[in-house]
C-alpha atoms as a PDB file:
ATOM      1  CA  MET A   1      -2.684   2.527 -39.416  1.00  0.00           C
ATOM      2  CA  ARG A   2       0.567   4.016 -38.124  1.00  0.00           C
ATOM      3  CA  ASN A   3      -1.302   6.863 -36.416  1.00  0.00           C
ATOM      4  CA  LEU A   4      -3.523   4.348 -34.640  1.00  0.00           C
ATOM      5  CA  LEU A   5      -0.503   2.407 -33.403  1.00  0.00           C
ATOM      6  CA  GLU A   6       1.160   5.607 -32.168  1.00  0.00           C
ATOM      7  CA  LEU A   7      -2.055   6.643 -30.417  1.00  0.00           C
ATOM      8  CA  CYS A   8      -2.373   3.246 -28.695  1.00  0.00           C
ATOM      9  CA  LEU A   9       1.245   3.400 -27.579  1.00  0.00           C
ATOM     10  CA  PHE A  10       0.761   6.926 -26.234  1.00  0.00           C
ATOM     11  CA  VAL A  11      -2.397   5.944 -24.322  1.00  0.00           C
ATOM     12  CA  LEU A  12      -0.646   2.914 -22.845  1.00  0.00           C
ATOM     13  CA  CYS A  13       2.349   4.951 -21.680  1.00  0.00           C
ATOM     14  CA  ALA A  14       0.137   7.720 -20.307  1.00  0.00           C
ATOM     15  CA  SER A  15      -2.051   5.277 -18.383  1.00  0.00           C
ATOM     16  CA  VAL A  16       1.001   3.699 -16.737  1.00  0.00           C
ATOM     17  CA  ALA A  17       2.302   7.124 -15.692  1.00  0.00           C
ATOM     18  CA  ILE A  18      -1.094   8.234 -14.370  1.00  0.00           C
ATOM     19  CA  SER A  19      -1.677   5.021 -12.424  1.00  0.00           C
ATOM     20  CA  GLN A  20       1.652   5.446 -10.634  1.00  0.00           C
ATOM     21  CA  THR A  21       0.885   9.031  -9.620  1.00  0.00           C
ATOM     22  CA  MET A  22      -2.637   8.184  -8.424  1.00  0.00           C
ATOM     23  CA  ASP A  23      -1.487   5.563  -5.903  1.00  0.00           C
ATOM     24  CA  SER A  24      -3.126   5.951  -2.535  1.00  0.00           C
ATOM     25  CA  PRO A  25      -0.893   7.333   0.225  1.00  0.00           C
ATOM     26  CA  TYR A  26      -2.382   4.692   2.546  1.00  0.00           C
ATOM     27  CA  LEU A  27      -2.098   0.921   2.671  1.00  0.00           C
ATOM     28  CA  TYR A  28      -5.483  -0.741   2.690  1.00  0.00           C
ATOM     29  CA  GLY A  29      -7.194  -4.068   2.128  1.00  0.00           C
ATOM     30  CA  ILE A  30      -4.979  -6.377   4.187  1.00  0.00           C
ATOM     31  CA  HIS A  31      -5.237  -8.404   7.369  1.00  0.00           C
ATOM     32  CA  TRP A  32      -2.069  -8.352   9.421  1.00  0.00           C
ATOM     33  CA  TYR A  33      -1.189 -10.963  12.047  1.00  0.00           C
ATOM     34  CA  ALA A  34       2.345  -9.926  12.934  1.00  0.00           C
ATOM     35  CA  ASN A  35       3.878  -7.561  15.493  1.00  0.00           C
ATOM     36  CA  THR A  36       1.548  -4.582  15.894  1.00  0.00           C
ATOM     37  CA  ASP A  37       2.418  -3.916  19.544  1.00  0.00           C
ATOM     38  CA  GLY A  38       3.691  -0.531  20.603  1.00  0.00           C
ATOM     39  CA  ILE A  39       7.467  -0.507  20.876  1.00  0.00           C
ATOM     40  CA  ALA A  40      10.210   1.891  21.881  1.00  0.00           C
ATOM     41  CA  ILE A  41      10.304   5.371  20.367  1.00  0.00           C
ATOM     42  CA  GLY A  42      12.277   5.419  17.131  1.00  0.00           C
ATOM     43  CA  GLN A  43      11.585   1.775  16.300  1.00  0.00           C
ATOM     44  CA  SER A  44       8.841   0.588  13.987  1.00  0.00           C
ATOM     45  CA  THR A  45       6.389  -2.298  13.977  1.00  0.00           C
ATOM     46  CA  ASP A  46       6.184  -4.933  11.236  1.00  0.00           C
ATOM     47  CA  VAL A  47       3.254  -3.084   9.664  1.00  0.00           C
ATOM     48  CA  GLU A  48       5.181   0.189   9.509  1.00  0.00           C
ATOM     49  CA  ASP A  49       8.168  -1.602   7.980  1.00  0.00           C
ATOM     50  CA  MET A  50       5.947  -3.141   5.316  1.00  0.00           C
ATOM     51  CA  THR A  51       4.367   0.182   4.315  1.00  0.00           C
ATOM     52  CA  ALA A  52       7.742   1.883   3.771  1.00  0.00           C
ATOM     53  CA  GLY A  53       6.737   4.969   5.726  1.00  0.00           C
ATOM     54  CA  ARG A  54       3.229   5.303   4.274  1.00  0.00           C
ATOM     55  CA  GLY A  55       0.318   5.831   6.619  1.00  0.00           C
ATOM     56  CA  ILE A  56      -2.139   3.050   7.448  1.00  0.00           C
ATOM     57  CA  TRP A  57      -5.798   3.022   8.403  1.00  0.00           C
ATOM     58  CA  VAL A  58      -6.563   0.548  11.179  1.00  0.00           C
ATOM     59  CA  LEU A  59     -10.188  -0.488  10.773  1.00  0.00           C
ATOM     60  CA  ASP A  60     -10.052  -3.644  12.834  1.00  0.00           C
ATOM     61  CA  ILE A  61      -7.510  -5.795  14.609  1.00  0.00           C
ATOM     62  CA  ALA A  62      -7.841  -9.591  14.621  1.00  0.00           C
ATOM     63  CA  LEU A  63      -6.732 -10.944  17.998  1.00  0.00           C
ATOM     64  CA  THR A  64      -5.771 -14.583  17.531  1.00  0.00           C
ATOM     65  CA  ASP A  65      -4.397 -15.794  20.878  1.00  0.00           C
ATOM     66  CA  GLU A  66      -6.304 -16.868  23.975  1.00  0.00           C
ATOM     67  CA  ASN A  67      -4.936 -13.948  26.041  1.00  0.00           C
ATOM     68  CA  ALA A  68      -6.830 -11.369  23.995  1.00  0.00           C
END
């Protein structure tokens, strides 16, 4: 019984470590309605701030105002 408990604990710890290392380098699966406009060099948009320097794939942009 003790060996089974140790094995379960090991598998749990290993799965947590593996899941953290397998995180995608890209942000995906969100819709973003904030500042995505190009801005001055050296400054970042709201999306770039949210991703903490990770890359993003832009598959579509939802334009929500009448000037679009």
